């Protein structure tokens, strides 16, 4: 049985992650009492479709006593359960902003407990689950689409024993993606931004491709990156990893990183698959 537990502080994107897994065929349950996990596993054969498994959200709405002994509850599950735990979080300023924008009530907030203090108390309450998580994602800078992509790639992927790859372009002016495993800086390449004819285009457009491919450094860099990945990806796969995010950055994330991500994606798809592609600044 494939069982995915989603947890994290309120406002971090738990519902988005759970809905994504439901779209992938998982039987999704929100706010499951942790004490019912063993009973849920007993009913597993009747749940899910196409063998996708079960996804449950366990968070601060649970009884504090159950959260404090979550390690015991998980340890008691049968060996036949393939358990994975995803913990989502974001910085305090981002969580405060999200609650302000949506005007939702925090599950721990009250007249006696203001929002900021409720967010801090929630973090302490969920620490036992956070420490059990095999995968933690900081969603502070993620859009809903980026979070859904991350869940699809890192939890669904291609199944056990297969390394799922994500090639992502980004702009350094917005910061390095929080979920990046390998980061390559391509800002040494000539910048199409300084050409008036190319400024409003992207690395997907033929004029930009022609400009970059006319530079000797572009071909040399691609061969170096492709060679490095060809050499080391099999070792990442043999190390029991199920996912790897390869991030390529330039200044604005419009031209050079997009071009190189597209080219590396095509190379990896032909030789390593399965591979996903995301352009953060073009979303």
Protein backbone atom coordinates (compact mmCIF):
# COMPACT_ATOMS: atom_id res chain seq x y z
CA UNK A 1 0.00 0.00 0.00
CA UNK A 2 1.23 3.48 -0.89
CA UNK A 3 0.41 5.91 1.94
CA UNK A 4 1.28 9.61 1.76
CA UNK A 5 0.90 11.82 4.84
CA UNK A 6 0.72 15.56 4.22
CA UNK A 7 1.29 17.93 7.10
CA UNK A 8 2.48 21.46 7.76
CA UNK A 9 1.42 24.80 9.14
CA UNK A 10 -1.88 26.32 8.07
CA UNK A 11 -1.49 28.44 4.94
CA UNK A 12 1.49 26.47 3.63
CA UNK A 13 -0.44 24.74 0.83
CA UNK A 14 -1.61 21.44 2.32
CA UNK A 15 -4.97 21.54 0.53
CA UNK A 16 -3.27 22.20 -2.80
CA UNK A 17 -0.94 19.23 -2.28
CA UNK A 18 -3.78 16.94 -1.23
CA UNK A 19 -5.91 17.95 -4.23
CA UNK A 20 -2.99 17.28 -6.57
CA UNK A 21 -2.61 13.74 -5.25
CA UNK A 22 -6.36 13.24 -5.55
CA UNK A 23 -6.10 14.31 -9.21
CA UNK A 24 -3.37 11.68 -9.62
CA UNK A 25 -5.74 8.94 -8.44
CA UNK A 26 -5.01 8.84 -4.71
CA UNK A 27 -7.89 8.38 -2.27
CA UNK A 28 -7.62 11.69 -0.40
CA UNK A 29 -8.70 12.30 3.21
CA UNK A 30 -8.42 15.70 4.89
CA UNK A 31 -8.03 16.12 8.67
CA UNK A 32 -7.77 12.43 9.50
CA UNK A 33 -7.32 11.73 13.24
CA UNK A 34 -3.84 10.25 13.52
CA UNK A 35 -5.11 7.51 15.82
CA UNK A 36 -7.20 6.15 12.91
CA UNK A 37 -4.21 5.50 10.64
CA UNK A 38 -3.95 1.78 11.54
CA UNK A 39 -7.68 1.29 10.85
CA UNK A 40 -7.32 3.15 7.55
CA UNK A 41 -4.52 0.84 6.46
CA UNK A 42 -6.78 -2.12 7.20
CA UNK A 43 -9.30 -0.80 4.67
CA UNK A 44 -6.65 0.09 2.08
CA UNK A 45 -7.58 -2.62 -0.48
CA UNK A 46 -10.97 -0.97 -0.95
CA UNK A 47 -9.55 2.53 -1.41
CA UNK A 48 -7.92 4.41 -4.26
CA UNK A 49 -8.06 3.65 -7.94
CA UNK A 50 -5.56 2.05 -10.30
CA UNK A 51 -3.40 1.23 -7.30
CA UNK A 52 -2.44 4.87 -6.73
CA UNK A 53 -2.71 4.65 -2.96
CA UNK A 54 -4.04 6.84 -0.17
CA UNK A 55 -3.15 10.41 0.80
CA UNK A 56 -4.12 11.87 4.16
CA UNK A 57 -3.70 15.29 5.73
CA UNK A 58 -2.76 15.30 9.42
CA UNK A 59 -2.19 18.71 10.97
CA UNK A 60 -2.80 20.92 13.99
CA UNK A 61 -6.54 20.17 13.97
CA UNK A 62 -5.60 16.75 15.41
CA UNK A 63 -5.59 15.99 19.11
CA UNK A 64 -2.33 17.16 20.67
CA UNK A 65 -1.93 13.80 22.42
CA UNK A 66 -2.01 11.96 19.07
CA UNK A 67 0.47 14.37 17.46
CA UNK A 68 2.92 13.90 20.34
CA UNK A 69 3.00 10.13 19.76
CA UNK A 70 2.91 10.14 15.97
CA UNK A 71 6.20 8.23 15.86
CA UNK A 72 4.59 5.34 17.74
CA UNK A 73 1.54 5.35 15.47
CA UNK A 74 3.67 5.28 12.32
CA UNK A 75 5.99 2.59 13.71
CA UNK A 76 2.98 0.34 14.30
CA UNK A 77 1.94 0.35 10.64
CA UNK A 78 2.55 -2.92 8.74
CA UNK A 79 5.74 -3.40 6.75
CA UNK A 80 3.61 -3.68 3.61
CA UNK A 81 2.90 0.07 3.80
CA UNK A 82 5.11 2.29 1.65
CA UNK A 83 4.95 5.40 3.83
CA UNK A 84 6.03 8.84 2.70
CA UNK A 85 5.55 12.06 4.64
CA UNK A 86 5.46 15.53 3.08
CA UNK A 87 5.81 18.53 5.39
CA UNK A 88 4.97 21.95 3.98
CA UNK A 89 5.98 25.22 5.56
CA UNK A 90 6.55 28.90 4.80
CA UNK A 91 8.12 31.82 6.64
CA UNK A 92 6.00 33.63 9.19
CA UNK A 93 5.59 36.82 7.13
CA UNK A 94 4.26 34.79 4.18
CA UNK A 95 1.79 32.88 6.36
CA UNK A 96 0.53 36.13 7.91
CA UNK A 97 0.10 37.66 4.47
CA UNK A 98 -1.80 34.62 3.14
CA UNK A 99 -4.23 34.66 6.06
CA UNK A 100 -4.69 38.40 5.65
CA UNK A 101 -5.46 38.03 1.94
CA UNK A 102 -7.88 35.10 2.29
CA UNK A 103 -9.39 36.23 5.61
CA UNK A 104 -9.55 32.62 6.73
CA UNK A 105 -9.50 31.81 10.43
CA UNK A 106 -6.41 30.06 11.73
CA UNK A 107 -7.41 26.81 13.52
CA UNK A 108 -5.56 27.83 16.69
CA UNK A 109 -6.33 31.56 16.69
CA UNK A 110 -8.81 33.08 19.15
CA UNK A 111 -9.50 36.33 20.95
CA UNK A 112 -6.93 35.31 23.54
CA UNK A 113 -4.40 34.02 20.99
CA UNK A 114 -3.52 36.41 18.13
CA UNK A 115 -2.66 35.10 14.68
CA UNK A 116 1.13 35.50 14.92
CA UNK A 117 1.25 33.60 18.20
CA UNK A 118 -1.07 30.90 16.84
CA UNK A 119 1.31 30.37 13.91
CA UNK A 120 4.26 29.95 16.29
CA UNK A 121 2.33 27.59 18.58
CA UNK A 122 1.30 25.51 15.57
CA UNK A 123 4.95 25.04 14.63
CA UNK A 124 5.74 23.60 18.07
CA UNK A 125 2.66 21.38 17.98
CA UNK A 126 3.63 19.90 14.61
CA UNK A 127 7.31 19.36 15.40
CA UNK A 128 6.87 15.57 15.87
CA UNK A 129 5.42 15.30 12.34
CA UNK A 130 8.04 17.65 10.89
CA UNK A 131 10.80 15.46 12.28
CA UNK A 132 9.23 12.36 10.66
CA UNK A 133 9.00 13.96 7.21
CA UNK A 134 11.07 12.48 4.44
CA UNK A 135 10.37 15.50 2.24
CA UNK A 136 10.04 19.12 3.38
CA UNK A 137 9.07 21.95 1.03
CA UNK A 138 9.27 25.66 1.75
CA UNK A 139 6.38 27.19 -0.19
CA UNK A 140 7.15 30.83 0.66
CA UNK A 141 8.11 31.68 -2.93
CA UNK A 142 6.01 29.02 -4.68
CA UNK A 143 2.92 29.64 -6.75
CA UNK A 144 0.06 27.14 -6.62
CA UNK A 145 1.18 25.76 -9.98
CA UNK A 146 4.77 25.31 -8.78
CA UNK A 147 3.60 23.49 -5.67
CA UNK A 148 1.38 21.18 -7.69
CA UNK A 149 4.30 20.46 -10.03
CA UNK A 150 6.59 19.75 -7.07
CA UNK A 151 4.08 17.32 -5.54
CA UNK A 152 3.57 15.57 -8.88
CA UNK A 153 7.29 15.22 -9.51
CA UNK A 154 8.47 14.34 -6.01
CA UNK A 155 5.63 12.17 -4.76
CA UNK A 156 4.07 10.71 -7.90
CA UNK A 157 7.06 10.61 -10.24
CA UNK A 158 7.38 7.35 -12.14
CA UNK A 159 7.05 4.93 -9.24
CA UNK A 160 9.44 3.25 -6.88
CA UNK A 161 12.97 2.65 -8.09
CA UNK A 162 12.86 5.29 -10.85
CA UNK A 163 14.58 8.69 -10.63
CA UNK A 164 12.17 11.45 -11.68
CA UNK A 165 13.89 14.62 -12.92
CA UNK A 166 12.71 18.21 -13.00
CA UNK A 167 14.63 20.76 -15.08
CA UNK A 168 13.75 24.29 -14.00
CA UNK A 169 14.83 27.72 -15.23
CA UNK A 170 14.75 30.69 -12.87
CA UNK A 171 15.94 34.26 -12.39
CA UNK A 172 18.44 35.03 -9.64
CA UNK A 173 16.69 38.35 -9.00
CA UNK A 174 13.83 36.33 -7.44
CA UNK A 175 16.14 33.99 -5.59
CA UNK A 176 17.18 30.37 -6.01
CA UNK A 177 14.24 27.88 -5.97
CA UNK A 178 13.86 26.45 -2.48
CA UNK A 179 13.44 22.89 -3.79
CA UNK A 180 16.51 22.87 -6.06
CA UNK A 181 18.93 19.97 -5.64
CA UNK A 182 21.49 21.03 -8.26
CA UNK A 183 21.92 24.70 -9.21
CA UNK A 184 23.82 25.91 -12.30
CA UNK A 185 24.53 29.58 -12.99
CA UNK A 186 24.46 30.41 -16.73
CA UNK A 187 24.97 34.17 -16.37
CA UNK A 188 28.39 33.91 -17.98
CA UNK A 189 26.69 33.59 -21.38
CA UNK A 190 26.09 36.76 -23.45
CA UNK A 191 22.77 38.31 -22.43
CA UNK A 192 20.09 38.72 -25.15
CA UNK A 193 18.39 41.28 -22.91
CA UNK A 194 20.78 43.96 -24.18
CA UNK A 195 19.49 43.54 -27.73
CA UNK A 196 16.36 45.61 -28.40
CA UNK A 197 15.17 43.01 -30.92
CA UNK A 198 15.47 40.17 -28.40
CA UNK A 199 14.58 41.84 -25.10
CA UNK A 200 10.86 41.02 -25.18
CA UNK A 201 11.39 37.45 -26.42
CA UNK A 202 12.31 34.36 -24.39
CA UNK A 203 14.73 31.47 -24.68
CA UNK A 204 12.00 29.52 -26.47
CA UNK A 205 12.00 31.89 -29.46
CA UNK A 206 14.13 31.16 -32.53
CA UNK A 207 15.89 34.57 -32.68
CA UNK A 208 17.11 34.11 -29.10
CA UNK A 209 18.19 30.54 -29.83
CA UNK A 210 20.10 31.71 -32.91
CA UNK A 211 21.79 34.47 -30.90
CA UNK A 212 22.93 32.11 -28.14
CA UNK A 213 23.98 29.30 -30.45
CA UNK A 214 26.21 31.73 -32.33
CA UNK A 215 28.26 32.13 -29.12
CA UNK A 216 30.99 29.47 -28.69
CA UNK A 217 30.51 29.52 -24.90
CA UNK A 218 26.93 28.28 -25.23
CA UNK A 219 27.86 25.01 -26.90
CA UNK A 220 30.76 24.45 -24.54
CA UNK A 221 28.57 25.02 -21.48
CA UNK A 222 25.86 22.67 -22.74
CA UNK A 223 28.37 19.88 -23.35
CA UNK A 224 29.88 20.35 -19.88
CA UNK A 225 26.48 20.29 -18.16
CA UNK A 226 25.18 17.35 -20.19
CA UNK A 227 28.39 15.42 -19.54
CA UNK A 228 28.23 16.09 -15.81
CA UNK A 229 24.61 14.94 -15.59
CA UNK A 230 25.20 11.87 -17.78
CA UNK A 231 28.07 10.91 -15.50
CA UNK A 232 26.40 11.41 -12.13
CA UNK A 233 22.65 10.90 -12.54
CA UNK A 234 22.98 7.08 -12.44
CA UNK A 235 24.70 7.44 -9.06
CA UNK A 236 21.88 9.63 -7.72
CA UNK A 237 19.44 6.94 -8.88
CA UNK A 238 21.40 4.13 -7.24
CA UNK A 239 21.41 6.09 -3.98
CA UNK A 240 17.68 5.37 -3.51
CA UNK A 241 16.58 8.87 -4.55
CA UNK A 242 13.23 9.11 -6.31
CA UNK A 243 13.47 12.72 -7.52
CA UNK A 244 16.02 15.39 -8.43
CA UNK A 245 15.48 19.04 -9.34
CA UNK A 246 18.05 20.63 -11.65
CA UNK A 247 17.80 24.43 -11.60
CA UNK A 248 19.43 26.73 -14.15
CA UNK A 249 19.53 30.43 -13.42
CA UNK A 250 20.26 33.66 -15.22
CA UNK A 251 19.55 37.23 -14.16
CA UNK A 252 15.88 37.51 -15.08
CA UNK A 253 14.97 33.92 -15.96
CA UNK A 254 13.75 34.88 -19.46
CA UNK A 255 16.48 34.10 -21.97
CA UNK A 256 19.67 32.19 -21.13
CA UNK A 257 18.32 29.90 -18.40
CA UNK A 258 15.17 29.14 -20.42
CA UNK A 259 17.23 28.24 -23.50
CA UNK A 260 19.62 26.01 -21.55
CA UNK A 261 16.79 24.35 -19.61
CA UNK A 262 14.97 23.52 -22.85
CA UNK A 263 18.11 22.06 -24.38
CA UNK A 264 19.04 20.01 -21.32
CA UNK A 265 15.45 18.81 -20.96
CA UNK A 266 15.54 17.41 -24.52
CA UNK A 267 18.88 15.71 -23.85
CA UNK A 268 17.80 14.17 -20.54
CA UNK A 269 14.43 13.04 -21.91
CA UNK A 270 16.25 11.16 -24.65
CA UNK A 271 18.74 9.49 -22.32
CA UNK A 272 17.42 9.39 -18.77
CA UNK A 273 13.61 10.00 -18.50
CA UNK A 274 11.16 10.60 -16.95
CA UNK A 275 11.85 14.34 -17.08
CA UNK A 276 9.64 17.35 -16.36
CA UNK A 277 10.28 20.96 -17.41
CA UNK A 278 9.31 24.18 -15.63
CA UNK A 279 10.13 27.82 -16.36
CA UNK A 280 9.50 29.62 -13.09
CA UNK A 281 9.55 33.17 -14.43
CA UNK A 282 7.42 32.36 -17.49
CA UNK A 283 4.52 30.88 -15.51
